[in-house]
Amino acid sequence: PPAERGTERLEITAPGGTRMAFRRDHG
């Protein structure tokens, strides 16, 4: 899990190489 908290964008990378990002959108 990402160590950062409270940012507008978080990213993870799975052991198989899959990369995902999560961007804050209040709407």
PDB file of all heavy atoms in Angstrom:
ATOM      1  N   PRO A   1       0.844  -1.196   0.000  1.00  0.00           N
ATOM      2  CA  PRO A   1       0.000   0.000   0.000  1.00  0.00           C
ATOM      3  C   PRO A   1       0.879   1.246   0.000  1.00  0.00           C
ATOM      4  O   PRO A   1       1.995   1.208   0.512  1.00  0.00           O
ATOM      5  CB  PRO A   1      -0.810  -0.114   1.288  1.00  0.00           C
ATOM      6  CG  PRO A   1      -0.159  -1.171   2.088  1.00  0.00           C
ATOM      7  CD  PRO A   1       0.725  -1.976   1.201  1.00  0.00           C
ATOM      8  N   PRO A   2       0.403   2.320  -0.590  1.00  0.00           N
ATOM      9  CA  PRO A   2       1.221   3.538  -0.618  1.00  0.00           C
ATOM     10  C   PRO A   2       1.457   4.076   0.784  1.00  0.00           C
ATOM     11  O   PRO A   2       0.560   4.051   1.622  1.00  0.00           O
ATOM     12  CB  PRO A   2       0.395   4.509  -1.462  1.00  0.00           C
ATOM     13  CG  PRO A   2      -0.973   3.957  -1.500  1.00  0.00           C
ATOM     14  CD  PRO A   2      -0.890   2.497  -1.214  1.00  0.00           C
ATOM     15  N   ALA A   3       2.657   4.532   1.036  1.00  0.00           N
ATOM     16  CA  ALA A   3       3.010   5.090   2.346  1.00  0.00           C
ATOM     17  C   ALA A   3       2.425   6.491   2.506  1.00  0.00           C
ATOM     18  O   ALA A   3       2.154   6.923   3.620  1.00  0.00           O
ATOM     19  CB  ALA A   3       4.526   5.122   2.503  1.00  0.00           C
ATOM     20  N   GLU A   4       2.235   7.179   1.392  1.00  0.00           N
ATOM     21  CA  GLU A   4       1.704   8.545   1.432  1.00  0.00           C
ATOM     22  C   GLU A   4       0.227   8.531   1.799  1.00  0.00           C
ATOM     23  O   GLU A   4      -0.484   7.594   1.487  1.00  0.00           O
ATOM     24  CB  GLU A   4       1.824   9.214   0.072  1.00  0.00           C
ATOM     25  CG  GLU A   4       3.216   9.316  -0.471  1.00  0.00           C
ATOM     26  CD  GLU A   4       3.185   9.932  -1.854  1.00  0.00           C
ATOM     27  OE1 GLU A   4       2.788  11.105  -1.953  1.00  0.00           O
ATOM     28  OE2 GLU A   4       3.531   9.226  -2.797  1.00  0.00           O
ATOM     29  N   ARG A   5      -0.216   9.575   2.421  1.00  0.00           N
ATOM     30  CA  ARG A   5      -1.631   9.775   2.722  1.00  0.00           C
ATOM     31  C   ARG A   5      -1.949  11.240   2.491  1.00  0.00           C
ATOM     32  O   ARG A   5      -1.096  12.101   2.630  1.00  0.00           O
ATOM     33  CB  ARG A   5      -1.956   9.405   4.176  1.00  0.00           C
ATOM     34  CG  ARG A   5      -1.738   7.947   4.499  1.00  0.00           C
ATOM     35  CD  ARG A   5      -2.817   7.113   3.877  1.00  0.00           C
ATOM     36  NE  ARG A   5      -2.621   5.711   4.237  1.00  0.00           N
ATOM     37  CZ  ARG A   5      -2.949   4.723   3.445  1.00  0.00           C
ATOM     38  NH1 ARG A   5      -3.481   4.960   2.286  1.00  0.00           N
ATOM     39  NH2 ARG A   5      -2.762   3.487   3.797  1.00  0.00           N
ATOM     40  N   GLY A   6      -3.192  11.513   2.122  1.00  0.00           N
ATOM     41  CA  GLY A   6      -3.635  12.890   1.989  1.00  0.00           C
ATOM     42  C   GLY A   6      -3.174  13.601   0.734  1.00  0.00           C
ATOM     43  O   GLY A   6      -3.316  14.806   0.634  1.00  0.00           O
ATOM     44  N   THR A   7      -2.622  12.885  -0.236  1.00  0.00           N
ATOM     45  CA  THR A   7      -2.207  13.527  -1.480  1.00  0.00           C
ATOM     46  C   THR A   7      -3.312  13.406  -2.516  1.00  0.00           C
ATOM     47  O   THR A   7      -4.273  12.657  -2.345  1.00  0.00           O
ATOM     48  CB  THR A   7      -0.909  12.898  -2.031  1.00  0.00           C
ATOM     49  OG1 THR A   7      -1.170  11.537  -2.362  1.00  0.00           O
ATOM     50  CG2 THR A   7       0.218  12.971  -1.021  1.00  0.00           C
ATOM     51  N   GLU A   8      -3.164  14.102  -3.597  1.00  0.00           N
ATOM     52  CA  GLU A   8      -4.173  14.086  -4.658  1.00  0.00           C
ATOM     53  C   GLU A   8      -4.049  12.865  -5.568  1.00  0.00           C
ATOM     54  O   GLU A   8      -4.980  12.539  -6.284  1.00  0.00           O
ATOM     55  CB  GLU A   8      -4.077  15.362  -5.493  1.00  0.00           C
ATOM     56  CG  GLU A   8      -4.398  16.622  -4.706  1.00  0.00           C
ATOM     57  CD  GLU A   8      -5.807  16.590  -4.112  1.00  0.00           C
ATOM     58  OE1 GLU A   8      -6.782  16.463  -4.875  1.00  0.00           O
ATOM     59  OE2 GLU A   8      -5.921  16.691  -2.879  1.00  0.00           O
ATOM     60  N   ARG A   9      -2.891  12.185  -5.540  1.00  0.00           N
ATOM     61  CA  ARG A   9      -2.672  11.031  -6.417  1.00  0.00           C
ATOM     62  C   ARG A   9      -1.775  10.032  -5.697  1.00  0.00           C
ATOM     63  O   ARG A   9      -0.723  10.378  -5.186  1.00  0.00           O
ATOM     64  CB  ARG A   9      -1.993  11.472  -7.711  1.00  0.00           C
ATOM     65  CG  ARG A   9      -1.835  10.371  -8.732  1.00  0.00           C
ATOM     66  CD  ARG A   9      -1.167  10.935  -9.996  1.00  0.00           C
ATOM     67  NE  ARG A   9      -1.065   9.947 -11.039  1.00  0.00           N
ATOM     68  CZ  ARG A   9      -0.141   8.993 -11.095  1.00  0.00           C
ATOM     69  NH1 ARG A   9       0.787   8.908 -10.170  1.00  0.00           N
ATOM     70  NH2 ARG A   9      -0.126   8.130 -12.092  1.00  0.00           N
ATOM     71  N   LEU A  10      -2.218   8.775  -5.679  1.00  0.00           N
ATOM     72  CA  LEU A  10      -1.437   7.687  -5.093  1.00  0.00           C
ATOM     73  C   LEU A  10      -1.212   6.632  -6.170  1.00  0.00           C
ATOM     74  O   LEU A  10      -2.046   6.457  -7.057  1.00  0.00           O
ATOM     75  CB  LEU A  10      -2.184   7.050  -3.915  1.00  0.00           C
ATOM     76  CG  LEU A  10      -2.490   7.966  -2.739  1.00  0.00           C
ATOM     77  CD1 LEU A  10      -3.395   7.258  -1.744  1.00  0.00           C
ATOM     78  CD2 LEU A  10      -1.212   8.401  -2.064  1.00  0.00           C
ATOM     79  N   GLU A  11      -0.103   5.916  -6.078  1.00  0.00           N
ATOM     80  CA  GLU A  11       0.193   4.883  -7.076  1.00  0.00           C
ATOM     81  C   GLU A  11       0.699   3.622  -6.376  1.00  0.00           C
ATOM     82  O   GLU A  11       1.401   3.702  -5.373  1.00  0.00           O
ATOM     83  CB  GLU A  11       1.249   5.390  -8.058  1.00  0.00           C
ATOM     84  CG  GLU A  11       1.442   4.464  -9.235  1.00  0.00           C
ATOM     85  CD  GLU A  11       2.329   5.041 -10.321  1.00  0.00           C
ATOM     86  OE1 GLU A  11       2.171   6.233 -10.656  1.00  0.00           O
ATOM     87  OE2 GLU A  11       3.182   4.287 -10.835  1.00  0.00           O
ATOM     88  N   ILE A  12       0.317   2.473  -6.945  1.00  0.00           N
ATOM     89  CA  ILE A  12       0.817   1.184  -6.460  1.00  0.00           C
ATOM     90  C   ILE A  12       1.389   0.407  -7.638  1.00  0.00           C
ATOM     91  O   ILE A  12       1.002   0.625  -8.785  1.00  0.00           O
ATOM     92  CB  ILE A  12      -0.277   0.339  -5.765  1.00  0.00           C
ATOM     93  CG1 ILE A  12      -1.413  -0.001  -6.736  1.00  0.00           C
ATOM     94  CG2 ILE A  12      -0.792   1.036  -4.512  1.00  0.00           C
ATOM     95  CD1 ILE A  12      -2.402  -1.022  -6.203  1.00  0.00           C
ATOM     96  N   THR A  13       2.317  -0.494  -7.335  1.00  0.00           N
ATOM     97  CA  THR A  13       2.864  -1.410  -8.339  1.00  0.00           C
ATOM     98  C   THR A  13       2.810  -2.810  -7.752  1.00  0.00           C
ATOM     99  O   THR A  13       3.376  -3.072  -6.698  1.00  0.00           O
ATOM    100  CB  THR A  13       4.322  -1.049  -8.695  1.00  0.00           C
ATOM    101  OG1 THR A  13       4.357   0.294  -9.177  1.00  0.00           O
ATOM    102  CG2 THR A  13       4.872  -1.983  -9.767  1.00  0.00           C
ATOM    103  N   ALA A  14       2.120  -3.710  -8.431  1.00  0.00           N
ATOM    104  CA  ALA A  14       1.976  -5.092  -7.977  1.00  0.00           C
ATOM    105  C   ALA A  14       3.217  -5.896  -8.356  1.00  0.00           C
ATOM    106  O   ALA A  14       3.957  -5.508  -9.272  1.00  0.00           O
ATOM    107  CB  ALA A  14       0.731  -5.716  -8.593  1.00  0.00           C
ATOM    108  N   PRO A  15       3.454  -7.024  -7.672  1.00  0.00           N
ATOM    109  CA  PRO A  15       4.628  -7.851  -7.977  1.00  0.00           C
ATOM    110  C   PRO A  15       4.734  -8.257  -9.450  1.00  0.00           C
ATOM    111  O   PRO A  15       5.820  -8.343  -9.984  1.00  0.00           O
ATOM    112  CB  PRO A  15       4.438  -9.075  -7.079  1.00  0.00           C
ATOM    113  CG  PRO A  15       3.625  -8.589  -5.938  1.00  0.00           C
ATOM    114  CD  PRO A  15       2.715  -7.538  -6.527  1.00  0.00           C
ATOM    115  N   GLY A  16       3.619  -8.457 -10.150  1.00  0.00           N
ATOM    116  CA  GLY A  16       3.648  -8.826 -11.562  1.00  0.00           C
ATOM    117  C   GLY A  16       3.876  -7.656 -12.499  1.00  0.00           C
ATOM    118  O   GLY A  16       3.940  -7.824 -13.707  1.00  0.00           O
ATOM    119  N   GLY A  17       3.995  -6.442 -11.951  1.00  0.00           N
ATOM    120  CA  GLY A  17       4.270  -5.269 -12.772  1.00  0.00           C
ATOM    121  C   GLY A  17       3.063  -4.393 -13.047  1.00  0.00           C
ATOM    122  O   GLY A  17       3.200  -3.317 -13.621  1.00  0.00           O
ATOM    123  N   THR A  18       1.863  -4.813 -12.657  1.00  0.00           N
ATOM    124  CA  THR A  18       0.677  -3.989 -12.860  1.00  0.00           C
ATOM    125  C   THR A  18       0.814  -2.709 -12.050  1.00  0.00           C
ATOM    126  O   THR A  18       1.123  -2.747 -10.868  1.00  0.00           O
ATOM    127  CB  THR A  18      -0.596  -4.743 -12.419  1.00  0.00           C
ATOM    128  OG1 THR A  18      -0.727  -5.920 -13.202  1.00  0.00           O
ATOM    129  CG2 THR A  18      -1.838  -3.880 -12.574  1.00  0.00           C
ATOM    130  N   ARG A  19       0.591  -1.582 -12.716  1.00  0.00           N
ATOM    131  CA  ARG A  19       0.665  -0.279 -12.049  1.00  0.00           C
ATOM    132  C   ARG A  19      -0.697   0.392 -12.107  1.00  0.00           C
ATOM    133  O   ARG A  19      -1.335   0.416 -13.148  1.00  0.00           O
ATOM    134  CB  ARG A  19       1.715   0.607 -12.705  1.00  0.00           C
ATOM    135  CG  ARG A  19       3.122   0.078 -12.481  1.00  0.00           C
ATOM    136  CD  ARG A  19       4.152   0.847 -13.233  1.00  0.00           C
ATOM    137  NE  ARG A  19       4.218   2.236 -12.760  1.00  0.00           N
ATOM    138  CZ  ARG A  19       5.092   3.111 -13.243  1.00  0.00           C
ATOM    139  NH1 ARG A  19       5.949   2.762 -14.182  1.00  0.00           N
ATOM    140  NH2 ARG A  19       5.109   4.341 -12.781  1.00  0.00           N
ATOM    141  N   MET A  20      -1.119   0.920 -10.964  1.00  0.00           N
ATOM    142  CA  MET A  20      -2.385   1.639 -10.887  1.00  0.00           C
ATOM    143  C   MET A  20      -2.183   2.920 -10.102  1.00  0.00           C
ATOM    144  O   MET A  20      -1.377   2.962  -9.176  1.00  0.00           O
ATOM    145  CB  MET A  20      -3.456   0.785 -10.197  1.00  0.00           C
ATOM    146  CG  MET A  20      -3.857  -0.450 -10.979  1.00  0.00           C
ATOM    147  SD  MET A  20      -5.194  -1.364 -10.164  1.00  0.00           S
ATOM    148  CE  MET A  20      -6.582  -0.257 -10.481  1.00  0.00           C
ATOM    149  N   ALA A  21      -2.943   3.938 -10.480  1.00  0.00           N
ATOM    150  CA  ALA A  21      -2.921   5.213  -9.769  1.00  0.00           C
ATOM    151  C   ALA A  21      -4.349   5.569  -9.385  1.00  0.00           C
ATOM    152  O   ALA A  21      -5.312   5.160 -10.050  1.00  0.00           O
ATOM    153  CB  ALA A  21      -2.316   6.302 -10.644  1.00  0.00           C
ATOM    154  N   PHE A  22      -4.482   6.350  -8.330  1.00  0.00           N
ATOM    155  CA  PHE A  22      -5.777   6.743  -7.811  1.00  0.00           C
ATOM    156  C   PHE A  22      -5.736   8.244  -7.582  1.00  0.00           C
ATOM    157  O   PHE A  22      -4.947   8.739  -6.782  1.00  0.00           O
ATOM    158  CB  PHE A  22      -6.069   5.963  -6.515  1.00  0.00           C
ATOM    159  CG  PHE A  22      -5.857   4.496  -6.720  1.00  0.00           C
ATOM    160  CD1 PHE A  22      -4.626   3.914  -6.425  1.00  0.00           C
ATOM    161  CD2 PHE A  22      -6.847   3.709  -7.261  1.00  0.00           C
ATOM    162  CE1 PHE A  22      -4.397   2.576  -6.656  1.00  0.00           C
ATOM    163  CE2 PHE A  22      -6.629   2.362  -7.497  1.00  0.00           C
ATOM    164  CZ  PHE A  22      -5.402   1.789  -7.196  1.00  0.00           C
ATOM    165  N   ARG A  23      -6.579   8.969  -8.342  1.00  0.00           N
ATOM    166  CA  ARG A  23      -6.551  10.428  -8.331  1.00  0.00           C
ATOM    167  C   ARG A  23      -7.796  10.970  -7.647  1.00  0.00           C
ATOM    168  O   ARG A  23      -8.912  10.558  -7.969  1.00  0.00           O
ATOM    169  CB  ARG A  23      -6.478  10.957  -9.752  1.00  0.00           C
ATOM    170  CG  ARG A  23      -6.232  12.452  -9.847  1.00  0.00           C
ATOM    171  CD  ARG A  23      -6.195  12.919 -11.282  1.00  0.00           C
ATOM    172  NE  ARG A  23      -7.491  12.872 -11.917  1.00  0.00           N
ATOM    173  CZ  ARG A  23      -8.401  13.844 -11.855  1.00  0.00           C
ATOM    174  NH1 ARG A  23      -8.163  14.936 -11.175  1.00  0.00           N
ATOM    175  NH2 ARG A  23      -9.551  13.716 -12.477  1.00  0.00           N
ATOM    176  N   ARG A  24      -7.572  11.878  -6.690  1.00  0.00           N
ATOM    177  CA  ARG A  24      -8.700  12.456  -5.946  1.00  0.00           C
ATOM    178  C   ARG A  24      -9.544  13.330  -6.868  1.00  0.00           C
ATOM    179  O   ARG A  24      -9.044  14.219  -7.546  1.00  0.00           O
ATOM    180  CB  ARG A  24      -8.192  13.286  -4.773  1.00  0.00           C
ATOM    181  CG  ARG A  24      -9.295  13.739  -3.831  1.00  0.00           C
ATOM    182  CD  ARG A  24      -8.772  14.505  -2.631  1.00  0.00           C
ATOM    183  NE  ARG A  24      -7.669  13.849  -1.955  1.00  0.00           N
ATOM    184  CZ  ARG A  24      -7.775  12.831  -1.075  1.00  0.00           C
ATOM    185  NH1 ARG A  24      -8.966  12.351  -0.787  1.00  0.00           N
ATOM    186  NH2 ARG A  24      -6.707  12.328  -0.494  1.00  0.00           N
ATOM    187  N   ASP A  25     -10.845  13.052  -6.882  1.00  0.00           N
ATOM    188  CA  ASP A  25     -11.819  13.845  -7.621  1.00  0.00           C
ATOM    189  C   ASP A  25     -13.050  13.934  -6.723  1.00  0.00           C
ATOM    190  O   ASP A  25     -13.782  12.954  -6.583  1.00  0.00           O
ATOM    191  CB  ASP A  25     -12.156  13.179  -8.951  1.00  0.00           C
ATOM    192  CG  ASP A  25     -13.214  13.918  -9.747  1.00  0.00           C
ATOM    193  OD1 ASP A  25     -13.782  14.902  -9.238  1.00  0.00           O
ATOM    194  OD2 ASP A  25     -13.484  13.504 -10.886  1.00  0.00           O
ATOM    195  N   HIS A  26     -13.260  15.093  -6.114  1.00  0.00           N
ATOM    196  CA  HIS A  26     -14.357  15.247  -5.155  1.00  0.00           C
ATOM    197  C   HIS A  26     -15.725  15.084  -5.810  1.00  0.00           C
ATOM    198  O   HIS A  26     -16.693  14.784  -5.123  1.00  0.00           O
ATOM    199  CB  HIS A  26     -14.254  16.591  -4.437  1.00  0.00           C
ATOM    200  CG  HIS A  26     -13.013  16.702  -3.608  1.00  0.00           C
ATOM    201  ND1 HIS A  26     -12.854  16.028  -2.424  1.00  0.00           N
ATOM    202  CD2 HIS A  26     -11.856  17.376  -3.810  1.00  0.00           C
ATOM    203  CE1 HIS A  26     -11.671  16.291  -1.913  1.00  0.00           C
ATOM    204  NE2 HIS A  26     -11.031  17.104  -2.738  1.00  0.00           N
ATOM    205  N   GLY A  27     -15.801  15.228  -7.120  1.00  0.00           N
ATOM    206  CA  GLY A  27     -17.077  15.066  -7.826  1.00  0.00           C
ATOM    207  C   GLY A  27     -17.218  13.717  -8.516  1.00  0.00           C
ATOM    208  O   GLY A  27     -18.106  13.548  -9.337  1.00  0.00           O
TER     209      GLY A  27
END
